[in-house]
C-alpha cells in the first residue's frame, strides 16, 4: 500500500515545482474538479449507474458504466487509497467509451460509503491509512469473488470474453489477488504504481499472480523503483519462470501519476500507461 512519508515527500516535490499548491488542489477537488482526460476517438455511447453489491461483509457502493448497446468484456477497477471518487468515475467512463463494461468499486465500503476522501487526491493520506490497513488478503479475495460474480450477472457483460482487472496504488495487489481468486475468468491484470506487489511472505501477491493464466501489465513509478530496485527483477523472473506474458516497465513519474486528480498527475505518462492498458485488453479479453 502507499507509504505515507514517501507519498507526502513526492507531493511536496510536485508542489515545489510550482505546478499547484495543496490549498489550490484541495479546493479544486472539493468542488469536484479534475483534470480533463483526452476524449476517446469514436467513443461508444454509455450508460452510467450507481449500484450496490452484496458481499459476505455487507453491501458495497460502486459505479457501473458500460456501452449502451450490445455486450462488452467486463473490467473490475480497484482505486488507490483515496477510493471511489469523481476522478475514478471519469476514468471508468472513458474505459467504457472504449468498449468495456466497467465496475469501479469502493474498497472501503465496510467502514464508509464513497467518497471517503473529501478532497480526493489532496486529502492527507494519514487520514486514510486506518481504512487501508483494515483490508487484507481475505477481504481482497472475498470481494473479488463477489464483484466478479456481479459483473457476470449483468446483461452488458460478454460471457464469452475474459474479464480484466486493474489496480492503482494499494489496488495493485488486490488486482493480482483477483486474478488468483477467479483464475478461470480473469484474462488480464494491470497494476499502476502498485504498492506491495512483492513481499517476502509465501502469499505475496506476485507469487499468487504467477499461478494464474492472465496476461499482466505492471507500470512502476520511478521513485518506487529507486526505493525497491529489485522488485522489477523479481517480477520479471517470476513471470518468466511461469512462462507468462508480462509487460513490466518503470515510468519516469512519481507514485500516483495516473489518476487525473492526483497531486503528482503526469498527463503524458498517464496517457502512455492508458495506451498500454488498452493494448493489453485488446489482445487478452
Protein backbone atom coordinates (compact mmCIF):
# COMPACT_ATOMS: atom_id res chain seq x y z
CA UNK A 1 0.00 0.00 0.00
CA UNK A 2 1.04 3.65 -0.06
CA UNK A 3 3.99 4.63 2.08
CA UNK A 4 2.74 7.70 3.95
CA UNK A 5 6.05 9.51 4.34
CA UNK A 6 7.23 8.88 0.79
CA UNK A 7 3.88 9.86 -0.69
CA UNK A 8 3.93 13.17 1.16
CA UNK A 9 7.52 13.84 0.09
CA UNK A 10 6.63 13.22 -3.55
CA UNK A 11 3.62 15.52 -3.34
CA UNK A 12 5.70 18.25 -1.72
CA UNK A 13 8.26 17.97 -4.52
CA UNK A 14 5.43 18.32 -7.04
CA UNK A 15 4.22 21.46 -5.28
CA UNK A 16 7.76 22.84 -5.12
CA UNK A 17 7.94 22.70 -8.90
CA UNK A 18 5.16 25.29 -8.94
CA UNK A 19 2.51 23.15 -10.58
CA UNK A 20 -0.03 23.61 -7.82
CA UNK A 21 -0.37 24.13 -4.08
CA UNK A 22 -2.09 21.82 -1.65
CA UNK A 23 -4.65 24.54 -0.91
CA UNK A 24 -5.40 25.13 -4.59
CA UNK A 25 -5.56 21.43 -5.35
CA UNK A 26 -7.79 20.71 -2.37
CA UNK A 27 -10.17 23.47 -3.42
CA UNK A 28 -10.35 22.07 -6.96
CA UNK A 29 -11.09 18.55 -5.80
CA UNK A 30 -13.52 19.66 -3.13
CA UNK A 31 -15.52 21.28 -5.93
CA UNK A 32 -15.46 18.01 -7.89
CA UNK A 33 -12.96 19.34 -10.45
CA UNK A 34 -10.37 17.03 -12.01
CA UNK A 35 -8.06 17.30 -14.96
CA UNK A 36 -9.96 16.71 -18.18
CA UNK A 37 -8.94 13.43 -19.77
CA UNK A 38 -8.50 13.32 -23.56
CA UNK A 39 -11.63 12.29 -25.42
CA UNK A 40 -11.96 8.80 -26.84
CA UNK A 41 -11.97 8.64 -30.63
CA UNK A 42 -15.23 7.08 -31.87
CA UNK A 43 -16.42 6.85 -28.27
CA UNK A 44 -19.31 4.50 -27.61
CA UNK A 45 -22.45 5.90 -26.03
CA UNK A 46 -22.50 4.68 -22.44
CA UNK A 47 -24.91 4.14 -19.58
CA UNK A 48 -23.83 5.07 -16.05
CA UNK A 49 -25.32 3.73 -12.82
CA UNK A 50 -24.59 3.84 -9.09
CA UNK A 51 -25.04 0.30 -7.81
CA UNK A 52 -24.87 -1.60 -4.54
CA UNK A 53 -23.41 -5.09 -4.47
CA UNK A 54 -23.90 -7.67 -1.75
CA UNK A 55 -20.71 -9.23 -0.38
CA UNK A 56 -20.09 -11.57 2.56
CA UNK A 57 -19.33 -8.47 4.66
CA UNK A 58 -22.17 -6.17 3.66
CA UNK A 59 -23.13 -4.02 0.70
CA UNK A 60 -20.60 -2.20 -1.44
CA UNK A 61 -21.40 1.07 -3.18
CA UNK A 62 -19.93 1.07 -6.67
CA UNK A 63 -20.07 2.81 -10.05
CA UNK A 64 -21.00 0.79 -13.14
CA UNK A 65 -20.68 2.14 -16.67
CA UNK A 66 -20.98 0.25 -19.96
CA UNK A 67 -21.75 0.72 -23.66
CA UNK A 68 -25.45 1.44 -24.06
CA UNK A 69 -25.94 -1.34 -26.60
CA UNK A 70 -24.58 -4.83 -27.04
CA UNK A 71 -22.19 -6.64 -24.74
CA UNK A 72 -18.58 -5.88 -23.83
CA UNK A 73 -15.80 -7.50 -21.79
CA UNK A 74 -16.07 -6.77 -18.07
CA UNK A 75 -13.41 -4.82 -16.20
CA UNK A 76 -13.07 -4.55 -12.41
CA UNK A 77 -11.27 -1.39 -11.22
CA UNK A 78 -9.64 -1.13 -7.79
CA UNK A 79 -8.94 2.52 -6.91
CA UNK A 80 -5.98 3.86 -4.97
CA UNK A 81 -6.07 4.74 -1.27
CA UNK A 82 -8.27 7.79 -1.96
CA UNK A 83 -11.06 5.48 -3.08
CA UNK A 84 -14.04 5.82 -5.41
CA UNK A 85 -14.42 9.47 -6.39
CA UNK A 86 -15.06 11.72 -9.43
CA UNK A 87 -11.60 11.14 -10.87
CA UNK A 88 -12.07 7.36 -10.95
CA UNK A 89 -15.59 7.69 -12.29
CA UNK A 90 -14.10 9.71 -15.12
CA UNK A 91 -11.52 7.01 -15.78
CA UNK A 92 -14.17 4.29 -15.67
CA UNK A 93 -16.40 6.15 -18.10
CA UNK A 94 -13.52 6.67 -20.50
CA UNK A 95 -12.79 2.94 -20.44
CA UNK A 96 -16.45 2.15 -21.11
CA UNK A 97 -16.40 4.55 -24.06
CA UNK A 98 -13.51 2.44 -25.34
CA UNK A 99 -15.73 -0.66 -25.36
CA UNK A 100 -15.77 -2.22 -21.87
CA UNK A 101 -18.32 -2.83 -19.12
CA UNK A 102 -16.60 -1.27 -16.13
CA UNK A 103 -17.20 -1.65 -12.41
CA UNK A 104 -15.31 0.82 -10.18
CA UNK A 105 -15.63 -0.20 -6.54
CA UNK A 106 -15.44 1.44 -3.15
CA UNK A 107 -12.91 -0.84 -1.39
CA UNK A 108 -13.72 0.78 1.96
CA UNK A 109 -17.45 0.06 1.94
CA UNK A 110 -17.21 -1.83 5.23
CA UNK A 111 -16.42 1.42 7.01
CA UNK A 112 -17.83 4.24 4.90
CA UNK A 113 -19.64 4.98 1.69
CA UNK A 114 -17.79 6.84 -1.05
CA UNK A 115 -16.34 9.36 -1.20
CA UNK A 116 -14.12 8.53 1.76
CA UNK A 117 -11.55 11.20 0.82
CA UNK A 118 -13.41 14.50 0.84
CA UNK A 119 -10.65 16.34 -1.02
CA UNK A 120 -9.80 13.46 -3.34
CA UNK A 121 -6.11 13.17 -4.04
CA UNK A 122 -5.37 16.21 -1.86
CA UNK A 123 -6.67 14.51 1.28
CA UNK A 124 -3.92 13.97 3.89
CA UNK A 125 -3.01 10.34 3.45
CA UNK A 126 -2.71 9.71 7.20
CA UNK A 127 -6.49 10.17 7.42
CA UNK A 128 -6.98 7.17 5.13
CA UNK A 129 -4.35 4.76 6.41
CA UNK A 130 -6.67 3.14 9.02
CA UNK A 131 -9.12 2.29 6.22
CA UNK A 132 -6.38 0.77 4.08
CA UNK A 133 -4.91 -1.22 6.97
CA UNK A 134 -8.31 -2.76 7.68
CA UNK A 135 -8.12 -4.60 4.34
CA UNK A 136 -6.15 -7.83 3.95
CA UNK A 137 -5.75 -10.91 1.78
CA UNK A 138 -9.09 -12.32 2.95
CA UNK A 139 -11.07 -9.17 2.18
CA UNK A 140 -9.32 -8.85 -1.18
CA UNK A 141 -10.32 -12.34 -2.20
CA UNK A 142 -13.90 -12.38 -0.89
CA UNK A 143 -14.55 -9.02 -2.53
CA UNK A 144 -13.02 -10.21 -5.80
CA UNK A 145 -15.37 -13.19 -5.91
CA UNK A 146 -18.42 -11.06 -5.17
CA UNK A 147 -17.60 -8.35 -7.68
CA UNK A 148 -16.70 -10.75 -10.50
CA UNK A 149 -19.90 -12.71 -9.87
CA UNK A 150 -21.90 -9.48 -10.01
CA UNK A 151 -20.28 -8.50 -13.30
CA UNK A 152 -21.08 -11.91 -14.76
CA UNK A 153 -24.75 -11.42 -13.87
CA UNK A 154 -25.02 -8.22 -15.95
CA UNK A 155 -26.52 -8.39 -19.44
CA UNK A 156 -23.97 -5.88 -20.74
CA UNK A 157 -21.01 -8.11 -19.83
CA UNK A 158 -19.84 -10.54 -22.53
CA UNK A 159 -19.78 -14.05 -21.08
CA UNK A 160 -17.61 -15.37 -23.93
CA UNK A 161 -14.85 -12.88 -23.14
CA UNK A 162 -12.39 -12.87 -20.26
CA UNK A 163 -12.62 -10.18 -17.57
CA UNK A 164 -9.89 -7.61 -16.94
CA UNK A 165 -8.92 -6.05 -13.64
CA UNK A 166 -6.75 -3.05 -12.87
CA UNK A 167 -5.49 -1.55 -9.64
CA UNK A 168 -3.80 1.67 -8.58
CA UNK A 169 -1.54 2.10 -5.55
CA UNK A 170 -2.97 -0.30 -2.93
CA UNK A 171 -5.28 -1.61 -5.68
CA UNK A 172 -2.34 -3.23 -7.47
CA UNK A 173 -2.01 -6.17 -5.06
CA UNK A 174 -5.81 -6.52 -4.98
CA UNK A 175 -5.89 -6.82 -8.77
CA UNK A 176 -3.19 -9.52 -8.58
CA UNK A 177 -5.22 -11.40 -5.98
CA UNK A 178 -8.39 -11.02 -8.03
CA UNK A 179 -6.74 -13.00 -10.81
CA UNK A 180 -5.61 -15.63 -8.32
CA UNK A 181 -9.09 -15.85 -6.78
CA UNK A 182 -11.04 -16.21 -10.04
CA UNK A 183 -8.40 -17.51 -12.46
CA UNK A 184 -10.91 -19.02 -14.87
CA UNK A 185 -12.48 -15.59 -15.54
CA UNK A 186 -9.66 -13.07 -15.33
CA UNK A 187 -7.63 -12.80 -18.51
CA UNK A 188 -5.75 -9.55 -17.95
CA UNK A 189 -4.32 -7.69 -14.95
CA UNK A 190 -2.87 -4.18 -14.82
CA UNK A 191 -1.12 -2.52 -11.89
CA UNK A 192 -0.25 1.18 -11.92
CA UNK A 193 2.15 2.41 -9.22
CA UNK A 194 1.04 -0.61 -7.18
CA UNK A 195 2.44 -0.89 -3.67
CA UNK A 196 3.34 -4.20 -2.06
CA UNK A 197 3.34 -6.38 -5.16
CA UNK A 198 6.48 -8.17 -3.97
CA UNK A 199 6.94 -9.27 -0.36
CA UNK A 200 8.87 -11.99 1.46
CA UNK A 201 5.67 -13.74 2.54
CA UNK A 202 4.61 -17.04 0.97
CA UNK A 203 1.31 -15.39 -0.04
CA UNK A 204 2.98 -12.43 -1.72
CA UNK A 205 0.73 -11.04 -4.47
CA UNK A 206 3.36 -11.68 -7.14
CA UNK A 207 3.57 -15.37 -6.22
CA UNK A 208 -0.20 -15.75 -6.25
CA UNK A 209 -0.47 -13.99 -9.59
CA UNK A 210 2.18 -16.20 -11.19
CA UNK A 211 -0.17 -19.19 -10.79
CA UNK A 212 -2.92 -17.64 -12.93
CA UNK A 213 -3.49 -17.72 -16.68
CA UNK A 214 -3.74 -13.95 -17.11
CA UNK A 215 -1.56 -11.54 -19.02
CA UNK A 216 -0.03 -8.71 -16.97
CA UNK A 217 0.86 -5.04 -17.33
CA UNK A 218 2.90 -3.63 -14.44
CA UNK A 219 3.71 0.09 -14.53
CA UNK A 220 6.14 1.09 -11.78
CA UNK A 221 6.78 4.64 -10.58
CA UNK A 222 10.34 5.89 -10.82
CA UNK A 223 10.57 6.79 -7.13
CA UNK A 224 9.15 3.41 -6.09
CA UNK A 225 11.78 1.73 -8.24
CA UNK A 226 14.53 3.76 -6.58
CA UNK A 227 13.40 2.61 -3.15
CA UNK A 228 12.85 -1.02 -4.19
CA UNK A 229 15.05 -1.55 -7.27
CA UNK A 230 14.94 -5.34 -7.05
CA UNK A 231 11.15 -5.62 -7.29
CA UNK A 232 11.04 -5.30 -11.07
CA UNK A 233 13.66 -8.04 -11.41
CA UNK A 234 11.75 -10.35 -9.09
CA UNK A 235 8.56 -9.72 -11.06
CA UNK A 236 10.24 -10.33 -14.41
CA UNK A 237 11.94 -13.52 -13.21
CA UNK A 238 8.78 -14.85 -11.56
CA UNK A 239 6.58 -14.39 -14.60
CA UNK A 240 9.29 -15.68 -16.94
CA UNK A 241 9.66 -18.83 -14.85
CA UNK A 242 5.89 -19.35 -15.10
CA UNK A 243 6.06 -18.76 -18.87
CA UNK A 244 3.56 -15.93 -18.56
CA UNK A 245 3.23 -12.75 -20.60
CA UNK A 246 4.03 -9.68 -18.51
CA UNK A 247 4.94 -6.16 -19.60
CA UNK A 248 6.92 -4.60 -16.76
CA UNK A 249 8.18 -1.04 -17.11
CA UNK A 250 9.45 1.78 -14.90
CA UNK A 251 7.84 5.11 -15.76
CA UNK A 252 9.67 8.39 -15.12
CA UNK A 253 6.94 9.69 -12.84
CA UNK A 254 6.09 9.77 -9.15
CA UNK A 255 3.92 7.26 -7.31
CA UNK A 256 0.31 8.16 -8.10
CA UNK A 257 0.87 9.68 -11.54
CA UNK A 258 -2.15 8.09 -13.30
CA UNK A 259 -5.41 9.42 -11.75
CA UNK A 260 -6.34 12.87 -13.09
CA UNK A 261 -6.95 14.24 -9.59
CA UNK A 262 -3.60 13.14 -8.20
CA UNK A 263 -1.25 15.81 -6.89
CA UNK A 264 1.50 14.16 -8.96
CA UNK A 265 -0.59 13.56 -12.11
CA UNK A 266 1.62 13.33 -15.20
CA UNK A 267 -0.61 13.56 -18.25
CA UNK A 268 1.92 12.41 -20.83
CA UNK A 269 2.95 9.31 -18.91
CA UNK A 270 -0.61 8.63 -17.73
CA UNK A 271 -1.61 8.56 -21.39
CA UNK A 272 1.23 6.19 -22.19
CA UNK A 273 0.09 3.87 -19.40
CA UNK A 274 -3.51 4.15 -20.64
CA UNK A 275 -2.49 3.19 -24.18
CA UNK A 276 -0.67 0.14 -22.85
CA UNK A 277 -3.77 -0.81 -20.84
CA UNK A 278 -5.93 -0.69 -23.97
CA UNK A 279 -3.33 -2.76 -25.82
CA UNK A 280 -3.39 -5.38 -23.06
CA UNK A 281 -7.18 -5.60 -23.01
CA UNK A 282 -7.33 -5.63 -26.78
CA UNK A 283 -5.29 -8.82 -27.01
CA UNK A 284 -6.25 -10.59 -23.74
CA UNK A 285 -10.01 -10.03 -23.44
